[in-house]
Amino acid sequence: MAVAVGVPLLVAAIVMAVVFTGTGVVGRSPLHRAVDQYLEAVGGGGPAPAAGPGSGCPGGAPDPADALHGLAPRFGHHIVSSTESGDSAAVNVDLTPTGGDPVAVLLELRRTGDRWDVCTASTGRAAIDPF
C-alpha cells in the first residue's frame, strides 16, 4: 500500500521539478524570455544584446539600453504584463534600481522569425486588457 501511494507522489515531485523553471514560472513565453535576457544584461551594467539580422526595429530610434541606463545604471526587473499582435509586442516592466523605488517602463519589441528584439524603452505603461 505504501509503495502504491509513494510512487505516484515521487513521479509528481519529479514532474514538478522538471516543469518549473528557476523563477518558478511554468513555460515562460519566448517573448518573456527575450525580455528577461535583455534586461538581465542591461540591468547588470553590461551592453545590450545586439539586435538580430533583419531586425524589425525602426531605424534611427534611440538605443533602448541608453534610455534604461539613464533611469538606473544597474537594476533588477519584474515583467508586469504584455501583449503581442503579429510581429509586434508591448511589455510593461518594473525596474528596481539598487536602493531605489520601482520605475514603470514600457518596452516595445519586434519579432523576426523566432527572435524578439527590444526596439524602444520609455517610462510609463501601455494599457493592456487582461481579457
Protein backbone atom coordinates (compact mmCIF):
# COMPACT_ATOMS: atom_id res chain seq x y z
CA MET A 1 0.00 0.00 0.00
CA ALA A 2 2.81 2.44 0.87
CA VAL A 3 4.55 1.71 -2.43
CA ALA A 4 1.31 2.29 -4.36
CA VAL A 5 0.96 5.75 -2.80
CA GLY A 6 4.67 6.61 -2.72
CA VAL A 7 5.41 6.01 -6.42
CA PRO A 8 2.75 8.45 -7.74
CA LEU A 9 3.93 11.08 -5.26
CA LEU A 10 7.55 10.61 -6.36
CA VAL A 11 6.56 10.88 -10.02
CA ALA A 12 4.55 14.04 -9.30
CA ALA A 13 7.54 15.59 -7.50
CA ILE A 14 9.86 14.83 -10.42
CA VAL A 15 7.40 16.27 -12.93
CA MET A 16 7.04 19.45 -10.85
CA ALA A 17 10.83 19.82 -10.60
CA VAL A 18 11.23 19.47 -14.37
CA VAL A 19 8.30 21.72 -15.35
CA PHE A 20 9.11 24.67 -13.11
CA THR A 21 11.90 26.97 -14.23
CA GLY A 22 14.38 28.68 -11.93
CA THR A 23 11.96 31.58 -11.42
CA GLY A 24 9.06 29.31 -10.53
CA VAL A 25 7.17 30.24 -13.70
CA VAL A 26 5.76 27.44 -15.79
CA GLY A 27 6.54 27.65 -19.52
CA ARG A 28 7.55 31.30 -19.98
CA SER A 29 6.91 32.53 -23.49
CA PRO A 30 9.70 33.30 -25.98
CA LEU A 31 8.71 36.98 -25.65
CA HIS A 32 9.24 36.97 -21.88
CA ARG A 33 12.49 35.03 -22.18
CA ALA A 34 13.79 37.63 -24.65
CA VAL A 35 12.83 40.48 -22.30
CA ASP A 36 14.45 38.73 -19.33
CA GLN A 37 17.69 38.10 -21.25
CA TYR A 38 17.82 41.69 -22.47
CA LEU A 39 17.11 43.27 -19.08
CA GLU A 40 19.47 40.94 -17.20
CA ALA A 41 22.33 42.05 -19.49
CA VAL A 42 21.48 45.76 -19.41
CA GLY A 43 20.48 45.78 -15.72
CA GLY A 44 23.78 44.16 -14.80
CA GLY A 45 25.57 47.18 -16.25
CA GLY A 46 26.58 45.44 -19.47
CA PRO A 47 25.84 46.20 -23.09
CA ALA A 48 22.52 45.31 -24.63
CA PRO A 49 22.33 42.18 -26.74
CA ALA A 50 22.65 43.19 -30.39
CA ALA A 51 19.51 43.12 -32.50
CA GLY A 52 19.32 40.17 -34.85
CA PRO A 53 19.94 40.37 -38.58
CA GLY A 54 16.99 41.90 -40.38
CA SER A 55 15.57 43.21 -37.10
CA GLY A 56 12.11 44.71 -37.43
CA CYS A 57 13.11 47.68 -35.24
CA PRO A 58 12.69 51.05 -36.92
CA GLY A 59 15.97 52.64 -37.98
CA GLY A 60 17.18 55.78 -36.24
CA ALA A 61 15.33 55.09 -32.97
CA PRO A 62 17.21 55.91 -29.74
CA ASP A 63 19.06 52.97 -28.17
CA PRO A 64 16.71 51.41 -25.58
CA ALA A 65 19.69 50.42 -23.39
CA ASP A 66 20.73 54.08 -23.17
CA ALA A 67 17.21 55.01 -22.04
CA LEU A 68 17.26 52.26 -19.39
CA HIS A 69 20.76 53.17 -18.16
CA GLY A 70 19.51 56.79 -17.93
CA LEU A 71 16.96 55.59 -15.37
CA ALA A 72 19.45 53.48 -13.41
CA PRO A 73 22.95 52.18 -14.18
CA ARG A 74 22.07 48.82 -12.57
CA PHE A 75 18.66 47.34 -11.84
CA GLY A 76 16.58 44.24 -11.37
CA HIS A 77 13.27 43.80 -13.13
CA HIS A 78 9.83 42.21 -12.99
CA ILE A 79 7.57 41.69 -16.00
CA VAL A 80 4.13 43.07 -15.12
CA SER A 81 2.12 42.39 -18.28
CA SER A 82 2.49 42.01 -22.03
CA THR A 83 0.57 41.88 -25.24
CA GLU A 84 1.56 40.84 -28.73
CA SER A 85 -0.04 41.25 -32.11
CA GLY A 86 1.61 39.66 -35.11
CA ASP A 87 5.29 40.58 -35.01
CA SER A 88 4.91 43.45 -32.51
CA ALA A 89 4.71 43.35 -28.72
CA ALA A 90 4.49 45.70 -25.76
CA VAL A 91 5.77 44.64 -22.34
CA ASN A 92 5.18 46.52 -19.08
CA VAL A 93 8.11 46.07 -16.71
CA ASP A 94 9.01 47.34 -13.25
CA LEU A 95 12.70 48.17 -12.98
CA THR A 96 14.08 48.03 -9.46
CA PRO A 97 17.22 50.17 -9.19
CA THR A 98 19.60 49.31 -6.37
CA GLY A 99 18.37 51.21 -3.33
CA GLY A 100 15.61 52.96 -5.29
CA ASP A 101 11.90 52.80 -5.92
CA PRO A 102 10.50 50.73 -8.80
CA VAL A 103 10.19 52.53 -12.14
CA ALA A 104 7.40 51.64 -14.58
CA VAL A 105 8.84 51.04 -18.06
CA LEU A 106 7.27 50.13 -21.39
CA LEU A 107 9.34 48.05 -23.82
CA GLU A 108 8.31 47.71 -27.45
CA LEU A 109 9.61 44.69 -29.33
CA ARG A 110 9.56 43.35 -32.88
CA ARG A 111 9.85 39.74 -33.96
CA THR A 112 11.89 38.49 -36.89
CA GLY A 113 11.43 34.76 -37.35
CA ASP A 114 11.68 33.26 -33.86
CA ARG A 115 13.68 36.14 -32.37
CA TRP A 116 12.26 39.08 -30.37
CA ASP A 117 14.30 42.31 -30.28
CA VAL A 118 13.78 45.21 -27.86
CA CYS A 119 13.32 48.30 -30.05
CA THR A 120 12.32 51.06 -27.63
CA ALA A 121 12.16 51.72 -23.90
CA SER A 122 10.22 54.53 -22.24
CA THR A 123 8.81 55.30 -18.81
CA GLY A 124 5.14 54.56 -18.29
CA ARG A 125 2.74 51.77 -19.08
CA ALA A 126 0.70 50.50 -22.00
CA ALA A 127 -2.93 49.80 -21.19
CA ILE A 128 -3.26 46.04 -21.59
CA ASP A 129 -6.69 44.46 -21.33
CA PRO A 130 -6.36 41.22 -19.31
CA PHE A 131 -9.28 39.60 -21.13
